Amino acid sequence: MTRTWSCAVLATVVLPLSLVAWGKSAGDKPGAGKPAYETFPVGEVTPALVCKSDAKWSYHVYLPPQYTADRTWPAMLVMNPGGGDPGTLDRYRKGADFNGIILAVSVQSKNGFDDAGKAIVAMTNDLPSRVAADPDRLMSSGFSGGARMAFGLAAAARSHFIGVLPCGAGRNKEDLGNMTVYGLCGTNCFNRWDMACTDRDLTGRDSRLVFFPGVHEWANEDLIWEGMTWINASSLRGKRDPPLVKDRNALAAKMLEQINADLESRPERAFEWAGLLASLGATESLKAKSIRDRLKSKPEVITYRAALKAQNQYVGTYFATKPSDWVANTLPKTALKDSAKLAEKYQGTPWEEIFRRLGEPAQK
């Protein structure tokens, strides 16, 4: 049995579309009514695959090393504002390998292209006929204009998406329901107002906005890996379907291994991941809760929690105002004073640079 899902609005492009049928549920094996999946090398980005329905559109795919075609896998659809060359997916491969996520990037979709929405929908339509992608575990991601397209795609087929990982741009007021959004933004990105306003208005319990020292640019592979893991893990909380329980338990084991590896070198990440893992209901959750409780008293974690709270308050005050404030690109004098005080307070930690740069003008 198959199911058709429809999309009416994609980003700023209005398209009366009916997307192709996908497999019914997670973990289904190919069979009657399901496509015979094609074979591609795992751990490699494919050459451009031409969409069957319209040869004008094409996309690249990356299959994680653990991929097999006898079950379905979560998939992340990626949009690059400059067009999707194969290298676009390189920064996502670490997250894909850790989580078992299929990646796809549109070749033609880019900023300033009137048919960008059609290119993305063609890719989304074509993907399930080529590889075993789960219809109810889709994610979208992109940078700048690609991030806006990612929001539009996820909102247009909201019941099928578990999250959005935008970098360097926020949404266009799309309704995302309780979807998890893990935003990544450079401290001096001109869209920091836009992203802060998006984060302010989100309702997903696990949604967050992470700043890194930088301008209007892609986040690095580690930040993207953390975001992909956060979205994937959040989506598996409370699931009872056997295939999803199996995936949750496999991910939980990997997360616990990473948490233990981070205890000394990255205790703040260990603390955050332990908190998320503790909420998943996996076998490792009790161990994760115990680790989190122990980490609470670690000096680095105490500093991290205080600095994160201070950052969120600062961003909420000075950037979660209105998206159009990027045009003036000015902050009140109190913003510079507050950022200087915070940079001094957290001198000698990674937060020093973040707070200092947040008080400086954005770069257009």
Protein backbone atom coordinates (compact mmCIF):
# COMPACT_ATOMS: atom_id res chain seq x y z
CA MET A 1 0.00 0.00 0.00
CA THR A 2 1.34 3.43 -0.90
CA ARG A 3 0.51 6.93 0.18
CA THR A 4 0.62 10.24 -1.65
CA TRP A 5 1.57 13.45 0.09
CA SER A 6 1.02 16.86 -1.38
CA CYS A 7 2.78 20.20 -1.24
CA ALA A 8 1.27 23.56 -2.10
CA VAL A 9 3.93 26.09 -1.14
CA LEU A 10 7.69 25.72 -1.42
CA ALA A 11 9.69 28.61 0.04
CA THR A 12 8.50 31.73 -1.78
CA VAL A 13 7.45 29.77 -4.87
CA VAL A 14 3.79 28.79 -5.12
CA LEU A 15 3.49 25.41 -6.78
CA PRO A 16 0.33 23.26 -7.12
CA LEU A 17 2.12 19.96 -6.70
CA SER A 18 1.38 16.37 -5.80
CA LEU A 19 4.51 14.55 -4.75
CA VAL A 20 5.02 10.91 -5.61
CA ALA A 21 4.00 8.07 -3.33
CA TRP A 22 6.50 6.82 -0.81
CA GLY A 23 6.73 3.54 1.10
CA LYS A 24 4.15 3.28 3.89
CA SER A 25 6.25 3.13 7.03
CA ALA A 26 9.73 2.98 8.49
CA GLY A 27 11.53 -0.29 8.04
CA ASP A 28 9.29 -1.57 5.23
CA LYS A 29 11.04 -3.87 2.80
CA PRO A 30 10.67 -3.45 -0.97
CA GLY A 31 7.87 -5.54 -2.33
CA ALA A 32 4.49 -5.20 -4.01
CA GLY A 33 3.70 -1.55 -4.62
CA LYS A 34 7.23 -0.45 -3.77
CA PRO A 35 10.06 0.50 -6.11
CA ALA A 36 12.99 -1.76 -6.89
CA TYR A 37 15.79 0.38 -5.53
CA GLU A 38 18.88 1.09 -7.58
CA THR A 39 22.36 0.14 -6.43
CA PHE A 40 24.95 2.81 -5.69
CA PRO A 41 28.27 2.61 -3.83
CA VAL A 42 27.96 3.43 -0.14
CA GLY A 43 30.19 6.05 1.45
CA GLU A 44 30.50 7.95 -1.85
CA VAL A 45 28.69 10.84 -3.50
CA THR A 46 27.05 9.68 -6.73
CA PRO A 47 27.38 11.43 -10.08
CA ALA A 48 24.37 13.60 -10.87
CA LEU A 49 21.20 11.49 -11.10
CA VAL A 50 18.77 12.76 -13.72
CA CYS A 51 15.17 12.91 -12.47
CA LYS A 52 12.99 10.37 -14.25
CA SER A 53 9.99 12.67 -14.54
CA ASP A 54 11.89 15.61 -16.04
CA ALA A 55 15.45 15.46 -17.35
CA LYS A 56 15.92 19.18 -16.66
CA TRP A 57 16.55 18.40 -13.00
CA SER A 58 19.24 16.34 -11.33
CA TYR A 59 20.77 15.75 -7.90
CA HIS A 60 23.59 13.98 -6.08
CA VAL A 61 23.07 11.29 -3.43
CA TYR A 62 25.24 10.05 -0.59
CA LEU A 63 24.50 6.70 1.05
CA PRO A 64 26.02 6.12 4.52
CA PRO A 65 28.27 3.05 4.94
CA GLN A 66 25.61 1.09 6.89
CA TYR A 67 22.97 1.56 4.16
CA THR A 68 21.16 -1.51 2.80
CA ALA A 69 18.09 -1.54 0.58
CA ASP A 70 16.11 -4.04 2.69
CA ARG A 71 14.84 -1.31 5.04
CA THR A 72 14.25 2.44 4.95
CA TRP A 73 16.52 5.19 6.25
CA PRO A 74 16.08 8.84 7.25
CA ALA A 75 17.04 11.31 4.54
CA MET A 76 18.26 14.90 4.53
CA LEU A 77 17.58 17.10 1.49
CA VAL A 78 20.20 19.80 1.08
CA MET A 79 20.04 23.11 -0.81
CA ASN A 80 23.10 25.14 -1.77
CA PRO A 81 22.51 28.82 -2.71
CA GLY A 82 25.16 28.54 -5.42
CA GLY A 83 23.96 25.24 -6.90
CA GLY A 84 24.66 21.73 -5.70
CA ASP A 85 28.06 20.42 -6.76
CA PRO A 86 29.10 17.06 -5.23
CA GLY A 87 31.32 18.79 -2.66
CA THR A 88 28.25 20.36 -1.06
CA LEU A 89 27.60 17.10 0.79
CA ASP A 90 31.13 16.73 2.19
CA ARG A 91 30.31 18.78 5.30
CA TYR A 92 27.29 16.51 5.96
CA ARG A 93 29.01 13.15 5.60
CA LYS A 94 30.20 12.88 9.21
CA GLY A 95 26.64 13.38 10.46
CA ALA A 96 25.26 11.01 7.84
CA ASP A 97 27.70 8.25 8.76
CA PHE A 98 27.07 8.64 12.51
CA ASN A 99 23.28 8.62 12.16
CA GLY A 100 22.69 6.47 9.09
CA ILE A 101 21.14 9.29 7.04
CA ILE A 102 20.79 9.42 3.27
CA LEU A 103 21.85 12.75 1.74
CA ALA A 104 20.63 14.40 -1.44
CA VAL A 105 21.48 17.81 -2.94
CA SER A 106 19.80 19.48 -5.90
CA VAL A 107 22.16 20.47 -8.72
CA GLN A 108 20.05 23.24 -10.26
CA SER A 109 18.43 24.84 -7.20
CA LYS A 110 20.19 28.10 -6.34
CA ASN A 111 19.57 31.70 -5.36
CA GLY A 112 17.99 33.87 -8.04
CA PHE A 113 16.68 30.90 -10.05
CA ASP A 114 12.93 31.17 -10.58
CA ASP A 115 12.47 27.42 -10.89
CA ALA A 116 14.52 26.51 -7.81
CA GLY A 117 11.37 25.20 -6.12
CA LYS A 118 10.62 22.92 -9.05
CA ALA A 119 14.16 21.54 -8.95
CA ILE A 120 13.84 20.71 -5.26
CA VAL A 121 10.43 19.10 -5.63
CA ALA A 122 11.69 17.04 -8.59
CA MET A 123 14.56 15.76 -6.43
CA THR A 124 12.20 15.02 -3.54
CA ASN A 125 9.87 13.15 -5.91
CA ASP A 126 12.62 11.14 -7.53
CA LEU A 127 14.61 10.10 -4.46
CA PRO A 128 12.23 7.36 -3.16
CA SER A 129 12.25 5.63 -6.52
CA ARG A 130 16.04 5.28 -6.41
CA VAL A 131 16.95 4.60 -2.77
CA ALA A 132 15.24 3.38 0.42
CA ALA A 133 14.35 6.71 2.05
CA ASP A 134 11.87 6.78 4.94
CA PRO A 135 8.82 8.96 4.07
CA ASP A 136 8.28 10.03 7.66
CA ARG A 137 11.88 10.78 8.63
CA LEU A 138 12.82 13.54 6.23
CA MET A 139 15.04 16.48 7.13
CA SER A 140 16.02 19.54 5.14
CA SER A 141 19.07 21.76 5.33
CA GLY A 142 20.82 24.54 3.48
CA PHE A 143 22.82 27.71 3.71
CA SER A 144 21.52 31.27 3.23
CA GLY A 145 18.89 31.14 0.46
CA GLY A 146 19.20 27.36 0.62
CA ALA A 147 18.17 27.51 4.28
CA ARG A 148 15.02 29.41 3.31
CA MET A 149 14.24 26.77 0.72
CA ALA A 150 14.80 24.10 3.39
CA PHE A 151 12.23 25.77 5.62
CA GLY A 152 9.77 26.02 2.74
CA LEU A 153 10.10 22.37 1.76
CA ALA A 154 9.71 21.12 5.32
CA ALA A 155 6.68 23.30 5.96
CA ALA A 156 5.03 22.29 2.70
CA ALA A 157 5.14 18.59 3.63
CA ARG A 158 5.22 19.09 7.39
CA SER A 159 3.83 15.70 8.41
CA HIS A 160 6.76 13.97 6.73
CA PHE A 161 9.61 16.08 8.12
CA ILE A 162 11.26 15.64 11.49
CA GLY A 163 13.48 18.70 11.39
CA VAL A 164 15.32 21.51 9.65
CA LEU A 165 19.01 22.35 9.93
CA PRO A 166 19.34 25.92 8.57
CA CYS A 167 22.63 27.77 8.37
CA GLY A 168 22.78 31.53 7.92
CA ALA A 169 19.08 32.31 7.35
CA GLY A 170 15.68 31.93 9.00
CA ARG A 171 12.22 31.06 7.80
CA ASN A 172 9.65 33.02 5.81
CA LYS A 173 6.96 32.69 8.51
CA GLU A 174 6.18 29.08 7.53
CA ASP A 175 4.26 26.98 10.04
CA LEU A 176 6.59 24.23 11.23
CA GLY A 177 4.40 22.85 14.01
CA ASN A 178 6.51 21.10 16.65
CA MET A 179 9.30 20.25 14.25
CA THR A 180 12.84 20.43 15.63
CA VAL A 181 14.94 23.23 14.14
CA TYR A 182 18.68 23.30 14.86
CA GLY A 183 19.92 26.63 13.59
CA LEU A 184 23.59 27.48 12.97
CA CYS A 185 24.67 31.10 12.62
CA GLY A 186 27.93 33.02 12.46
CA THR A 187 28.28 35.64 15.18
CA ASN A 188 28.62 38.35 12.55
CA CYS A 189 26.23 36.99 9.94
CA PHE A 190 23.87 39.69 8.67
CA ASN A 191 21.01 37.24 9.14
CA ARG A 192 21.59 36.91 12.89
CA TRP A 193 18.47 39.03 13.51
CA ASP A 194 16.50 36.84 11.14
CA MET A 195 17.66 33.61 12.76
CA ALA A 196 17.10 34.92 16.29
CA CYS A 197 13.52 35.90 15.42
CA THR A 198 12.93 32.48 13.89
CA ASP A 199 14.26 30.77 17.01
CA ARG A 200 12.13 33.01 19.24
CA ASP A 201 8.93 31.94 17.49
CA LEU A 202 9.56 28.19 17.18
CA THR A 203 7.47 25.78 19.23
CA GLY A 204 9.53 22.58 18.95
CA ARG A 205 10.76 21.57 22.40
CA ASP A 206 14.21 20.60 21.16
CA SER A 207 14.76 23.53 18.78
CA ARG A 208 17.83 25.64 19.34
CA LEU A 209 20.09 28.26 17.79
CA VAL A 210 23.87 27.78 17.95
CA PHE A 211 26.32 30.62 17.23
CA PHE A 212 29.87 30.08 16.04
CA PRO A 213 32.61 32.69 15.45
CA GLY A 214 32.16 33.69 11.83
CA VAL A 215 30.27 35.72 9.26
CA HIS A 216 27.70 34.70 6.62
CA GLU A 217 29.16 31.27 5.92
CA TRP A 218 28.56 27.54 6.20
CA ALA A 219 29.08 25.99 9.61
CA ASN A 220 31.79 23.34 9.83
CA GLU A 221 31.19 19.59 9.66
CA ASP A 222 31.30 19.10 13.44
CA LEU A 223 28.53 21.62 14.07
CA ILE A 224 26.47 20.08 11.28
CA TRP A 225 27.09 16.59 12.69
CA GLU A 226 25.93 17.74 16.12
CA GLY A 227 22.80 19.30 14.59
CA MET A 228 21.96 16.21 12.53
CA THR A 229 22.37 14.01 15.60
CA TRP A 230 20.25 16.34 17.73
CA ILE A 231 17.37 16.31 15.22
CA ASN A 232 17.56 12.57 14.62
CA ALA A 233 17.69 11.68 18.32
CA SER A 234 14.86 14.07 19.17
CA SER A 235 12.65 12.46 16.54
CA LEU A 236 13.12 8.99 18.06
CA ARG A 237 11.96 9.92 21.54
CA GLY A 238 8.94 7.84 22.60
CA LYS A 239 8.77 5.80 19.38
CA ARG A 240 7.40 2.26 19.70
CA ASP A 241 7.51 0.90 16.15
CA PRO A 242 10.09 -1.92 16.22
CA PRO A 243 12.23 -0.50 13.35
CA LEU A 244 12.36 2.91 15.05
CA VAL A 245 13.15 1.35 18.43
CA LYS A 246 16.00 -0.51 16.77
CA ASP A 247 17.30 2.70 15.23
CA ARG A 248 16.92 4.56 18.52
CA ASN A 249 18.87 1.92 20.41
CA ALA A 250 21.64 1.88 17.80
CA LEU A 251 21.92 5.67 17.92
CA ALA A 252 21.80 5.67 21.73
CA ALA A 253 24.78 3.30 21.86
CA LYS A 254 26.77 5.58 19.55
CA MET A 255 25.81 8.66 21.52
CA LEU A 256 26.86 7.06 24.80
CA GLU A 257 30.20 6.10 23.27
CA GLN A 258 30.71 9.69 22.11
CA ILE A 259 29.64 11.07 25.50
CA ASN A 260 32.27 8.93 27.24
CA ALA A 261 34.88 10.06 24.72
CA ASP A 262 33.99 13.71 25.41
CA LEU A 263 34.03 13.59 29.22
CA GLU A 264 37.42 15.26 29.51
CA SER A 265 37.95 16.98 26.16
CA ARG A 266 34.40 18.27 25.52
CA PRO A 267 32.45 18.01 28.80
CA GLU A 268 29.89 20.61 27.67
CA ARG A 269 28.91 18.52 24.65
CA ALA A 270 28.89 15.40 26.81
CA PHE A 271 26.52 17.19 29.17
CA GLU A 272 24.13 18.27 26.39
CA TRP A 273 24.09 14.90 24.67
CA ALA A 274 23.68 13.07 27.97
CA GLY A 275 20.61 15.17 28.69
CA LEU A 276 19.11 14.35 25.30
CA LEU A 277 19.99 10.66 25.58
CA ALA A 278 18.50 10.50 29.06
CA SER A 279 15.12 11.51 27.59
CA LEU A 280 15.03 8.89 24.83
CA GLY A 281 13.96 5.88 26.88
CA ALA A 282 16.77 3.71 25.53
CA THR A 283 18.75 1.18 27.55
CA GLU A 284 21.58 3.73 27.77
CA SER A 285 19.29 6.48 29.09
CA LEU A 286 19.85 5.70 32.78
CA LYS A 287 23.61 5.73 32.28
CA ALA A 288 23.31 9.03 30.43
CA LYS A 289 21.28 10.56 33.25
CA SER A 290 23.90 9.50 35.77
CA ILE A 291 26.66 11.01 33.64
CA ARG A 292 24.73 14.25 33.24
CA ASP A 293 24.17 14.51 36.98
CA ARG A 294 27.91 14.04 37.60
CA LEU A 295 28.86 16.59 34.96
CA LYS A 296 26.69 19.30 36.51
CA SER A 297 29.37 20.02 39.10
CA LYS A 298 32.28 20.06 36.62
CA PRO A 299 33.72 23.63 36.38
CA GLU A 300 33.69 23.61 32.57
CA VAL A 301 30.02 22.64 32.53
CA ILE A 302 29.09 25.24 35.13
CA THR A 303 30.80 27.88 32.97
CA TYR A 304 29.15 26.54 29.82
CA ARG A 305 25.64 26.62 31.27
CA ALA A 306 26.07 30.13 32.63
CA ALA A 307 27.57 31.40 29.36
CA LEU A 308 24.85 29.75 27.28
CA LYS A 309 22.18 31.39 29.42
CA ALA A 310 23.91 34.75 29.07
CA GLN A 311 24.20 34.33 25.30
CA ASN A 312 20.53 33.45 24.95
CA GLN A 313 19.57 36.51 26.98
CA TYR A 314 21.85 38.73 24.92
CA VAL A 315 20.55 37.39 21.61
CA GLY A 316 16.97 37.63 22.82
CA THR A 317 17.45 41.27 23.78
CA TYR A 318 19.43 42.56 20.81
CA PHE A 319 18.68 40.25 17.87
CA ALA A 320 15.24 38.71 18.44
CA THR A 321 13.70 42.06 17.52
CA LYS A 322 12.64 42.03 13.89
CA PRO A 323 14.37 40.46 10.86
CA SER A 324 14.59 43.77 8.98
CA ASP A 325 16.95 45.21 11.61
CA TRP A 326 19.81 43.72 9.59
CA VAL A 327 19.35 46.56 7.07
CA ALA A 328 20.53 49.22 9.53
CA ASN A 329 23.14 46.81 10.93
CA THR A 330 23.45 48.81 14.12
CA LEU A 331 23.12 47.90 17.76
CA PRO A 332 22.39 50.18 20.73
CA LYS A 333 25.36 51.31 22.80
CA THR A 334 24.23 49.01 25.58
CA ALA A 335 24.79 46.01 23.28
CA LEU A 336 28.47 46.85 22.84
CA LYS A 337 28.88 47.44 26.58
CA ASP A 338 27.12 44.19 27.45
CA SER A 339 29.15 42.17 24.96
CA ALA A 340 32.40 43.67 26.30
CA LYS A 341 31.42 42.81 29.88
CA LEU A 342 30.53 39.26 28.91
CA ALA A 343 33.74 38.82 26.90
CA GLU A 344 35.71 39.96 29.93
CA LYS A 345 33.74 37.70 32.26
CA TYR A 346 34.45 34.66 30.10
CA GLN A 347 38.01 35.61 29.19
CA GLY A 348 40.16 32.62 28.35
CA THR A 349 37.20 30.47 27.24
CA PRO A 350 35.73 29.96 23.77
CA TRP A 351 32.86 32.20 24.85
CA GLU A 352 35.14 35.24 24.99
CA GLU A 353 35.32 35.48 21.19
CA ILE A 354 31.63 34.76 20.74
CA PHE A 355 30.55 37.53 23.10
CA ARG A 356 33.07 40.02 21.70
CA ARG A 357 32.00 39.37 18.13
CA LEU A 358 28.27 39.49 18.87
CA GLY A 359 28.74 43.12 19.86
CA GLU A 360 30.44 43.99 16.56
CA PRO A 361 28.65 44.92 13.30
CA ALA A 362 27.56 42.15 11.00
CA GLN A 363 29.28 41.70 7.66
CA LYS A 364 27.10 41.87 4.58
